[in-house]
Amino acid sequence: MRIERRFTKQGLAGQEGAAYAEIEFRKALSEIKNPDGSVVFRLDNIDVPAQFSQVAADILAQKYFRKAGVPARLKKVEENNVPSFLWRSVADEVELAKLPEAERYGSETDARQVFDRLAGTWTYWGWKGGYFNSEEDARAFRDELAYMLATQR
């Protein structure tokens, strides 16, 4: 399958954050309360696209952010016949051991983590299934998906 870029730029392809080059992000607080005012869910200091409404930020934080078990340090796992930008990541135990135990694992706090996780997974399985004509088509697919998630298209 050939993928034509519509929202992201070819020149930025393959660079970290290429999908977000022209998207502004902001810090937000997500808080869900019961009718009696008690807090059901709270996550402070999260990064979300600036154009996201408070409702969109709350849904993203409550339903899509991984809440625990996210390693503070990652390493890529090489896989034959898979482009390096699609290699999965695992906890880097050597680097994690250098951190205080309380800082080794946490939650996702940035919408880009969610968008990259989703777009990367879908692209990885598309590559494994032989759907893309080229590595550039896979890159374009990943970047375009991440952009569309970030802009709610």
N, C-alpha and C. Protein backbone atom coordinates (compact mmCIF):
# COMPACT_ATOMS: atom_id res chain seq x y z
N MET A 1 0.85 -1.16 0.00
CA MET A 1 0.00 0.00 0.00
C MET A 1 0.91 1.24 0.00
N ARG A 2 0.55 2.19 -0.82
CA ARG A 2 1.28 3.46 -0.87
C ARG A 2 0.52 4.46 0.00
N ILE A 3 1.28 5.25 0.76
CA ILE A 3 0.68 6.24 1.66
C ILE A 3 1.15 7.63 1.24
N GLU A 4 0.21 8.46 0.89
CA GLU A 4 0.52 9.84 0.54
C GLU A 4 0.36 10.71 1.78
N ARG A 5 1.37 11.50 2.05
CA ARG A 5 1.29 12.42 3.19
C ARG A 5 0.33 13.55 2.88
N ARG A 6 -0.56 13.82 3.81
CA ARG A 6 -1.51 14.92 3.65
C ARG A 6 -1.33 15.98 4.73
N PHE A 7 -0.85 15.58 5.89
CA PHE A 7 -0.73 16.50 7.02
C PHE A 7 0.70 16.71 7.49
N THR A 8 1.55 15.72 7.32
CA THR A 8 2.94 15.81 7.79
C THR A 8 3.86 16.07 6.61
N LYS A 9 5.05 16.54 6.92
CA LYS A 9 6.00 16.91 5.87
C LYS A 9 7.02 15.81 5.63
N GLN A 10 7.29 15.55 4.36
CA GLN A 10 8.26 14.54 3.94
C GLN A 10 9.64 14.82 4.55
N GLY A 11 10.07 16.06 4.55
CA GLY A 11 11.40 16.41 5.04
C GLY A 11 11.62 16.06 6.50
N LEU A 12 10.55 15.97 7.26
CA LEU A 12 10.65 15.63 8.68
C LEU A 12 10.49 14.14 8.93
N ALA A 13 10.20 13.40 7.87
CA ALA A 13 9.94 11.96 8.01
C ALA A 13 11.09 11.28 8.74
N GLY A 14 10.75 10.45 9.67
CA GLY A 14 11.74 9.67 10.39
C GLY A 14 12.33 10.37 11.59
N GLN A 15 12.16 11.68 11.69
CA GLN A 15 12.66 12.39 12.85
C GLN A 15 11.70 12.18 14.01
N GLU A 16 12.25 12.11 15.21
CA GLU A 16 11.39 12.00 16.38
C GLU A 16 10.47 13.21 16.43
N GLY A 17 9.21 12.97 16.63
CA GLY A 17 8.26 14.06 16.76
C GLY A 17 7.82 14.69 15.46
N ALA A 18 8.16 14.09 14.33
CA ALA A 18 7.81 14.67 13.02
C ALA A 18 6.31 14.93 12.91
N ALA A 19 5.52 14.06 13.47
CA ALA A 19 4.06 14.21 13.38
C ALA A 19 3.57 15.43 14.16
N TYR A 20 4.37 15.90 15.10
CA TYR A 20 3.93 16.97 15.99
C TYR A 20 4.62 18.30 15.73
N ALA A 21 5.36 18.39 14.63
CA ALA A 21 6.18 19.58 14.35
C ALA A 21 5.38 20.87 14.37
N GLU A 22 4.15 20.84 13.93
CA GLU A 22 3.35 22.06 13.84
C GLU A 22 2.17 22.07 14.82
N ILE A 23 2.25 21.23 15.84
CA ILE A 23 1.17 21.14 16.83
C ILE A 23 1.66 21.67 18.16
N GLU A 24 0.92 22.58 18.73
CA GLU A 24 1.27 23.13 20.03
C GLU A 24 0.67 22.25 21.13
N PHE A 25 1.44 22.05 22.19
CA PHE A 25 0.97 21.28 23.34
C PHE A 25 0.94 22.20 24.56
N ARG A 26 0.13 21.82 25.54
CA ARG A 26 0.01 22.61 26.77
C ARG A 26 -0.06 21.67 27.97
N LYS A 27 0.28 22.21 29.14
CA LYS A 27 0.13 21.47 30.39
C LYS A 27 -1.34 21.53 30.81
N ALA A 28 -1.82 20.46 31.39
CA ALA A 28 -3.22 20.41 31.80
C ALA A 28 -3.37 19.60 33.09
N LEU A 29 -4.49 19.79 33.71
CA LEU A 29 -4.91 19.00 34.87
C LEU A 29 -6.16 18.25 34.46
N SER A 30 -6.17 16.96 34.71
CA SER A 30 -7.37 16.17 34.44
C SER A 30 -7.94 15.73 35.78
N GLU A 31 -9.20 16.07 35.98
CA GLU A 31 -9.85 15.71 37.24
C GLU A 31 -11.30 15.36 36.96
N ILE A 32 -11.70 14.20 37.41
CA ILE A 32 -13.09 13.74 37.27
C ILE A 32 -13.67 13.67 38.68
N LYS A 33 -14.84 14.27 38.86
CA LYS A 33 -15.47 14.30 40.18
C LYS A 33 -16.84 13.63 40.16
N ASN A 34 -17.21 13.08 41.29
CA ASN A 34 -18.56 12.57 41.51
C ASN A 34 -19.50 13.76 41.69
N PRO A 35 -20.81 13.52 41.57
CA PRO A 35 -21.78 14.60 41.80
C PRO A 35 -21.63 15.26 43.18
N ASP A 36 -21.13 14.49 44.17
CA ASP A 36 -20.96 15.06 45.51
C ASP A 36 -19.66 15.86 45.67
N GLY A 37 -18.88 15.94 44.59
CA GLY A 37 -17.65 16.72 44.61
C GLY A 37 -16.40 15.93 44.93
N SER A 38 -16.56 14.67 45.33
CA SER A 38 -15.38 13.86 45.62
C SER A 38 -14.66 13.51 44.32
N VAL A 39 -13.34 13.44 44.39
CA VAL A 39 -12.51 13.20 43.21
C VAL A 39 -12.43 11.71 42.91
N VAL A 40 -12.80 11.36 41.68
CA VAL A 40 -12.73 9.98 41.21
C VAL A 40 -11.37 9.70 40.59
N PHE A 41 -10.87 10.68 39.84
CA PHE A 41 -9.62 10.53 39.10
C PHE A 41 -8.95 11.89 39.02
N ARG A 42 -7.62 11.90 39.20
CA ARG A 42 -6.86 13.15 39.08
C ARG A 42 -5.47 12.84 38.56
N LEU A 43 -5.07 13.58 37.54
CA LEU A 43 -3.73 13.48 37.00
C LEU A 43 -3.30 14.89 36.63
N ASP A 44 -2.27 15.36 37.30
CA ASP A 44 -1.82 16.75 37.13
C ASP A 44 -0.59 16.79 36.24
N ASN A 45 -0.37 17.95 35.62
CA ASN A 45 0.83 18.22 34.85
C ASN A 45 0.98 17.29 33.65
N ILE A 46 -0.09 17.07 32.93
CA ILE A 46 -0.03 16.25 31.72
C ILE A 46 0.11 17.17 30.50
N ASP A 47 0.69 16.64 29.44
CA ASP A 47 0.83 17.38 28.19
C ASP A 47 -0.21 16.89 27.20
N VAL A 48 -1.00 17.83 26.68
CA VAL A 48 -2.04 17.50 25.69
C VAL A 48 -1.97 18.53 24.57
N PRO A 49 -2.48 18.20 23.38
CA PRO A 49 -2.53 19.20 22.31
C PRO A 49 -3.30 20.44 22.80
N ALA A 50 -2.79 21.61 22.46
CA ALA A 50 -3.37 22.87 22.94
C ALA A 50 -4.84 23.02 22.55
N GLN A 51 -5.24 22.46 21.40
CA GLN A 51 -6.62 22.64 20.95
C GLN A 51 -7.58 21.63 21.59
N PHE A 52 -7.08 20.69 22.38
CA PHE A 52 -7.97 19.73 23.05
C PHE A 52 -8.85 20.47 24.06
N SER A 53 -10.12 20.14 24.08
CA SER A 53 -11.02 20.66 25.11
C SER A 53 -10.68 19.98 26.44
N GLN A 54 -11.23 20.49 27.52
CA GLN A 54 -11.01 19.86 28.81
C GLN A 54 -11.59 18.45 28.82
N VAL A 55 -12.74 18.28 28.19
CA VAL A 55 -13.36 16.95 28.12
C VAL A 55 -12.44 15.98 27.36
N ALA A 56 -11.88 16.42 26.25
CA ALA A 56 -10.98 15.56 25.47
C ALA A 56 -9.74 15.20 26.29
N ALA A 57 -9.18 16.18 27.00
CA ALA A 57 -8.02 15.92 27.85
C ALA A 57 -8.36 14.93 28.96
N ASP A 58 -9.55 15.09 29.57
CA ASP A 58 -9.97 14.18 30.63
C ASP A 58 -10.15 12.75 30.12
N ILE A 59 -10.77 12.60 28.97
CA ILE A 59 -10.99 11.26 28.40
C ILE A 59 -9.65 10.62 28.06
N LEU A 60 -8.76 11.38 27.44
CA LEU A 60 -7.44 10.85 27.10
C LEU A 60 -6.71 10.39 28.35
N ALA A 61 -6.67 11.24 29.36
CA ALA A 61 -5.95 10.90 30.59
C ALA A 61 -6.58 9.73 31.33
N GLN A 62 -7.90 9.72 31.42
CA GLN A 62 -8.58 8.68 32.20
C GLN A 62 -8.63 7.34 31.47
N LYS A 63 -8.86 7.36 30.18
CA LYS A 63 -9.10 6.11 29.44
C LYS A 63 -7.89 5.58 28.67
N TYR A 64 -6.97 6.45 28.26
CA TYR A 64 -5.92 6.01 27.34
C TYR A 64 -4.50 6.07 27.89
N PHE A 65 -4.22 6.94 28.86
CA PHE A 65 -2.89 6.95 29.46
C PHE A 65 -2.68 5.64 30.22
N ARG A 66 -1.50 5.03 30.04
CA ARG A 66 -1.14 3.91 30.90
C ARG A 66 -0.87 4.49 32.28
N LYS A 67 -1.48 3.92 33.29
CA LYS A 67 -1.41 4.49 34.63
C LYS A 67 -0.21 4.01 35.45
N ALA A 68 0.37 2.89 35.08
CA ALA A 68 1.48 2.33 35.86
C ALA A 68 2.31 1.41 34.97
N GLY A 69 3.52 1.14 35.43
CA GLY A 69 4.36 0.17 34.74
C GLY A 69 5.09 0.70 33.52
N VAL A 70 5.14 2.02 33.35
CA VAL A 70 5.86 2.60 32.21
C VAL A 70 7.30 2.85 32.65
N PRO A 71 8.27 2.14 32.05
CA PRO A 71 9.67 2.32 32.46
C PRO A 71 10.17 3.72 32.15
N ALA A 72 10.99 4.27 33.06
CA ALA A 72 11.58 5.59 32.86
C ALA A 72 12.70 5.53 31.82
N ARG A 73 13.28 4.37 31.60
CA ARG A 73 14.35 4.19 30.61
C ARG A 73 14.00 2.99 29.73
N LEU A 74 14.11 3.19 28.43
CA LEU A 74 13.77 2.14 27.47
C LEU A 74 14.94 1.84 26.56
N LYS A 75 14.92 0.67 25.96
CA LYS A 75 15.88 0.34 24.90
C LYS A 75 15.12 -0.37 23.79
N LYS A 76 15.59 -0.20 22.58
CA LYS A 76 14.96 -0.81 21.41
C LYS A 76 15.39 -2.27 21.30
N VAL A 77 14.49 -3.10 20.79
CA VAL A 77 14.78 -4.51 20.57
C VAL A 77 14.83 -4.73 19.06
N GLU A 78 16.03 -5.02 18.56
CA GLU A 78 16.21 -5.22 17.13
C GLU A 78 15.40 -6.42 16.65
N GLU A 79 14.80 -6.26 15.50
CA GLU A 79 14.01 -7.34 14.91
C GLU A 79 14.31 -7.41 13.42
N ASN A 80 14.71 -8.58 12.95
CA ASN A 80 15.03 -8.76 11.54
C ASN A 80 13.84 -8.42 10.66
N ASN A 81 14.12 -7.79 9.54
CA ASN A 81 13.11 -7.44 8.54
C ASN A 81 12.07 -6.43 9.03
N VAL A 82 12.40 -5.70 10.10
CA VAL A 82 11.53 -4.64 10.60
C VAL A 82 12.39 -3.37 10.67
N PRO A 83 11.93 -2.26 10.08
CA PRO A 83 12.71 -1.02 10.15
C PRO A 83 12.95 -0.59 11.60
N SER A 84 14.10 0.01 11.86
CA SER A 84 14.47 0.36 13.23
C SER A 84 13.46 1.30 13.90
N PHE A 85 12.78 2.14 13.13
CA PHE A 85 11.81 3.05 13.76
C PHE A 85 10.57 2.31 14.26
N LEU A 86 10.42 1.04 13.88
CA LEU A 86 9.28 0.24 14.35
C LEU A 86 9.68 -0.80 15.41
N TRP A 87 10.97 -0.86 15.74
CA TRP A 87 11.37 -1.82 16.77
C TRP A 87 10.65 -1.50 18.07
N ARG A 88 10.23 -2.55 18.74
CA ARG A 88 9.55 -2.36 20.02
C ARG A 88 10.58 -1.96 21.09
N SER A 89 10.09 -1.41 22.16
CA SER A 89 10.95 -1.00 23.27
C SER A 89 10.63 -1.84 24.50
N VAL A 90 11.67 -2.07 25.29
CA VAL A 90 11.51 -2.77 26.57
C VAL A 90 12.25 -1.98 27.63
N ALA A 91 11.98 -2.29 28.87
CA ALA A 91 12.67 -1.62 29.97
C ALA A 91 14.17 -1.87 29.87
N ASP A 92 14.96 -0.82 30.03
CA ASP A 92 16.42 -0.93 30.05
C ASP A 92 16.82 -1.14 31.50
N GLU A 93 16.95 -2.40 31.89
CA GLU A 93 17.19 -2.75 33.29
C GLU A 93 18.48 -2.15 33.83
N VAL A 94 19.51 -2.06 32.99
CA VAL A 94 20.79 -1.49 33.42
C VAL A 94 20.62 -0.02 33.78
N GLU A 95 19.96 0.73 32.92
CA GLU A 95 19.73 2.16 33.17
C GLU A 95 18.74 2.38 34.31
N LEU A 96 17.72 1.54 34.40
CA LEU A 96 16.75 1.67 35.49
C LEU A 96 17.42 1.46 36.85
N ALA A 97 18.38 0.55 36.92
CA ALA A 97 19.06 0.26 38.18
C ALA A 97 19.82 1.47 38.71
N LYS A 98 20.15 2.41 37.84
CA LYS A 98 20.88 3.63 38.24
C LYS A 98 19.95 4.67 38.87
N LEU A 99 18.65 4.47 38.73
CA LEU A 99 17.67 5.42 39.26
C LEU A 99 17.19 4.98 40.64
N PRO A 100 16.74 5.94 41.47
CA PRO A 100 16.09 5.54 42.72
C PRO A 100 14.88 4.67 42.40
N GLU A 101 14.63 3.69 43.21
CA GLU A 101 13.57 2.71 42.94
C GLU A 101 12.22 3.36 42.65
N ALA A 102 11.89 4.43 43.36
CA ALA A 102 10.60 5.09 43.18
C ALA A 102 10.46 5.79 41.83
N GLU A 103 11.58 6.02 41.14
CA GLU A 103 11.57 6.73 39.86
C GLU A 103 11.67 5.80 38.65
N ARG A 104 11.76 4.52 38.86
CA ARG A 104 11.99 3.58 37.76
C ARG A 104 10.78 3.36 36.87
N TYR A 105 9.62 3.34 37.45
CA TYR A 105 8.38 3.10 36.69
C TYR A 105 7.35 4.15 37.07
N GLY A 106 6.53 4.51 36.11
CA GLY A 106 5.49 5.50 36.38
C GLY A 106 4.34 5.34 35.41
N SER A 107 3.71 6.46 35.09
CA SER A 107 2.58 6.44 34.16
C SER A 107 2.91 7.31 32.96
N GLU A 108 2.10 7.17 31.92
CA GLU A 108 2.22 8.08 30.80
C GLU A 108 1.69 9.44 31.26
N THR A 109 2.36 10.50 30.85
CA THR A 109 1.95 11.85 31.24
C THR A 109 1.88 12.79 30.04
N ASP A 110 2.15 12.28 28.86
CA ASP A 110 2.18 13.10 27.66
C ASP A 110 1.34 12.42 26.58
N ALA A 111 0.44 13.18 25.97
CA ALA A 111 -0.41 12.63 24.92
C ALA A 111 0.41 12.01 23.79
N ARG A 112 1.60 12.55 23.53
CA ARG A 112 2.46 12.00 22.47
C ARG A 112 2.86 10.56 22.77
N GLN A 113 2.99 10.21 24.04
CA GLN A 113 3.29 8.82 24.39
C GLN A 113 2.15 7.91 23.94
N VAL A 114 0.93 8.34 24.16
CA VAL A 114 -0.24 7.55 23.77
C VAL A 114 -0.33 7.47 22.25
N PHE A 115 -0.23 8.62 21.59
CA PHE A 115 -0.36 8.64 20.13
C PHE A 115 0.74 7.81 19.47
N ASP A 116 1.97 7.91 19.98
CA ASP A 116 3.08 7.13 19.41
C ASP A 116 2.88 5.63 19.67
N ARG A 117 2.38 5.30 20.86
CA ARG A 117 2.13 3.89 21.18
C ARG A 117 1.09 3.30 20.24
N LEU A 118 0.00 4.01 20.03
CA LEU A 118 -1.06 3.52 19.15
C LEU A 118 -0.62 3.48 17.69
N ALA A 119 -0.13 4.61 17.18
CA ALA A 119 0.28 4.67 15.77
C ALA A 119 1.42 3.70 15.49
N GLY A 120 2.35 3.58 16.43
CA GLY A 120 3.47 2.66 16.26
C GLY A 120 3.03 1.21 16.21
N THR A 121 2.10 0.85 17.09
CA THR A 121 1.59 -0.53 17.11
C THR A 121 0.85 -0.86 15.83
N TRP A 122 -0.01 0.02 15.39
CA TRP A 122 -0.77 -0.23 14.15
C TRP A 122 0.17 -0.33 12.95
N THR A 123 1.20 0.53 12.92
CA THR A 123 2.15 0.50 11.81
C THR A 123 3.00 -0.76 11.86
N TYR A 124 3.44 -1.14 13.04
CA TYR A 124 4.23 -2.37 13.21
C TYR A 124 3.47 -3.57 12.63
N TRP A 125 2.22 -3.72 13.01
CA TRP A 125 1.46 -4.87 12.54
C TRP A 125 1.13 -4.76 11.05
N GLY A 126 0.99 -3.55 10.55
CA GLY A 126 0.84 -3.37 9.11
C GLY A 126 2.09 -3.80 8.37
N TRP A 127 3.26 -3.47 8.93
CA TRP A 127 4.53 -3.88 8.33
C TRP A 127 4.66 -5.40 8.36
N LYS A 128 4.39 -6.00 9.52
CA LYS A 128 4.49 -7.46 9.66
C LYS A 128 3.53 -8.16 8.71
N GLY A 129 2.38 -7.54 8.43
CA GLY A 129 1.40 -8.13 7.52
C GLY A 129 1.69 -7.87 6.06
N GLY A 130 2.76 -7.13 5.77
CA GLY A 130 3.15 -6.87 4.39
C GLY A 130 2.27 -5.85 3.67
N TYR A 131 1.66 -4.94 4.41
CA TYR A 131 0.73 -3.99 3.81
C TYR A 131 1.40 -2.82 3.10
N PHE A 132 2.62 -2.48 3.48
CA PHE A 132 3.26 -1.28 2.93
C PHE A 132 4.18 -1.62 1.76
N ASN A 133 4.19 -0.74 0.75
CA ASN A 133 5.07 -0.92 -0.40
C ASN A 133 6.52 -0.65 -0.04
N SER A 134 6.75 0.26 0.91
CA SER A 134 8.12 0.64 1.25
C SER A 134 8.18 1.08 2.71
N GLU A 135 9.42 1.24 3.18
CA GLU A 135 9.64 1.75 4.53
C GLU A 135 9.10 3.17 4.65
N GLU A 136 9.26 3.97 3.59
CA GLU A 136 8.75 5.35 3.61
C GLU A 136 7.22 5.36 3.73
N ASP A 137 6.55 4.42 3.09
CA ASP A 137 5.09 4.35 3.23
C ASP A 137 4.70 4.05 4.68
N ALA A 138 5.46 3.16 5.33
CA ALA A 138 5.18 2.85 6.73
C ALA A 138 5.43 4.08 7.61
N ARG A 139 6.51 4.82 7.34
CA ARG A 139 6.80 6.04 8.10
C ARG A 139 5.67 7.06 7.93
N ALA A 140 5.25 7.23 6.69
CA ALA A 140 4.18 8.19 6.42
C ALA A 140 2.90 7.78 7.14
N PHE A 141 2.59 6.49 7.12
CA PHE A 141 1.40 5.97 7.80
C PHE A 141 1.46 6.30 9.29
N ARG A 142 2.59 5.98 9.91
CA ARG A 142 2.75 6.24 11.35
C ARG A 142 2.63 7.73 11.66
N ASP A 143 3.33 8.57 10.90
CA ASP A 143 3.30 10.01 11.14
C ASP A 143 1.90 10.58 10.93
N GLU A 144 1.24 10.15 9.87
CA GLU A 144 -0.11 10.66 9.58
C GLU A 144 -1.11 10.24 10.66
N LEU A 145 -1.00 8.99 11.12
CA LEU A 145 -1.89 8.54 12.20
C LEU A 145 -1.68 9.35 13.47
N ALA A 146 -0.41 9.53 13.86
CA ALA A 146 -0.12 10.29 15.07
C ALA A 146 -0.64 11.72 14.95
N TYR A 147 -0.46 12.32 13.79
CA TYR A 147 -0.95 13.68 13.57
C TYR A 147 -2.48 13.72 13.70
N MET A 148 -3.15 12.76 13.08
CA MET A 148 -4.62 12.75 13.12
C MET A 148 -5.14 12.53 14.54
N LEU A 149 -4.46 11.71 15.32
CA LEU A 149 -4.86 11.53 16.72
C LEU A 149 -4.67 12.83 17.50
N ALA A 150 -3.55 13.50 17.27
CA ALA A 150 -3.25 14.73 18.00
C ALA A 150 -4.15 15.90 17.61
N THR A 151 -4.68 15.86 16.40
CA THR A 151 -5.54 16.96 15.94
C THR A 151 -7.01 16.57 15.89
N GLN A 152 -7.32 15.37 16.35
CA GLN A 152 -8.70 14.86 16.41
C GLN A 152 -9.37 14.86 15.04
N ARG A 153 -8.64 14.46 14.03
CA ARG A 153 -9.20 14.40 12.66
C ARG A 153 -9.82 13.05 12.42
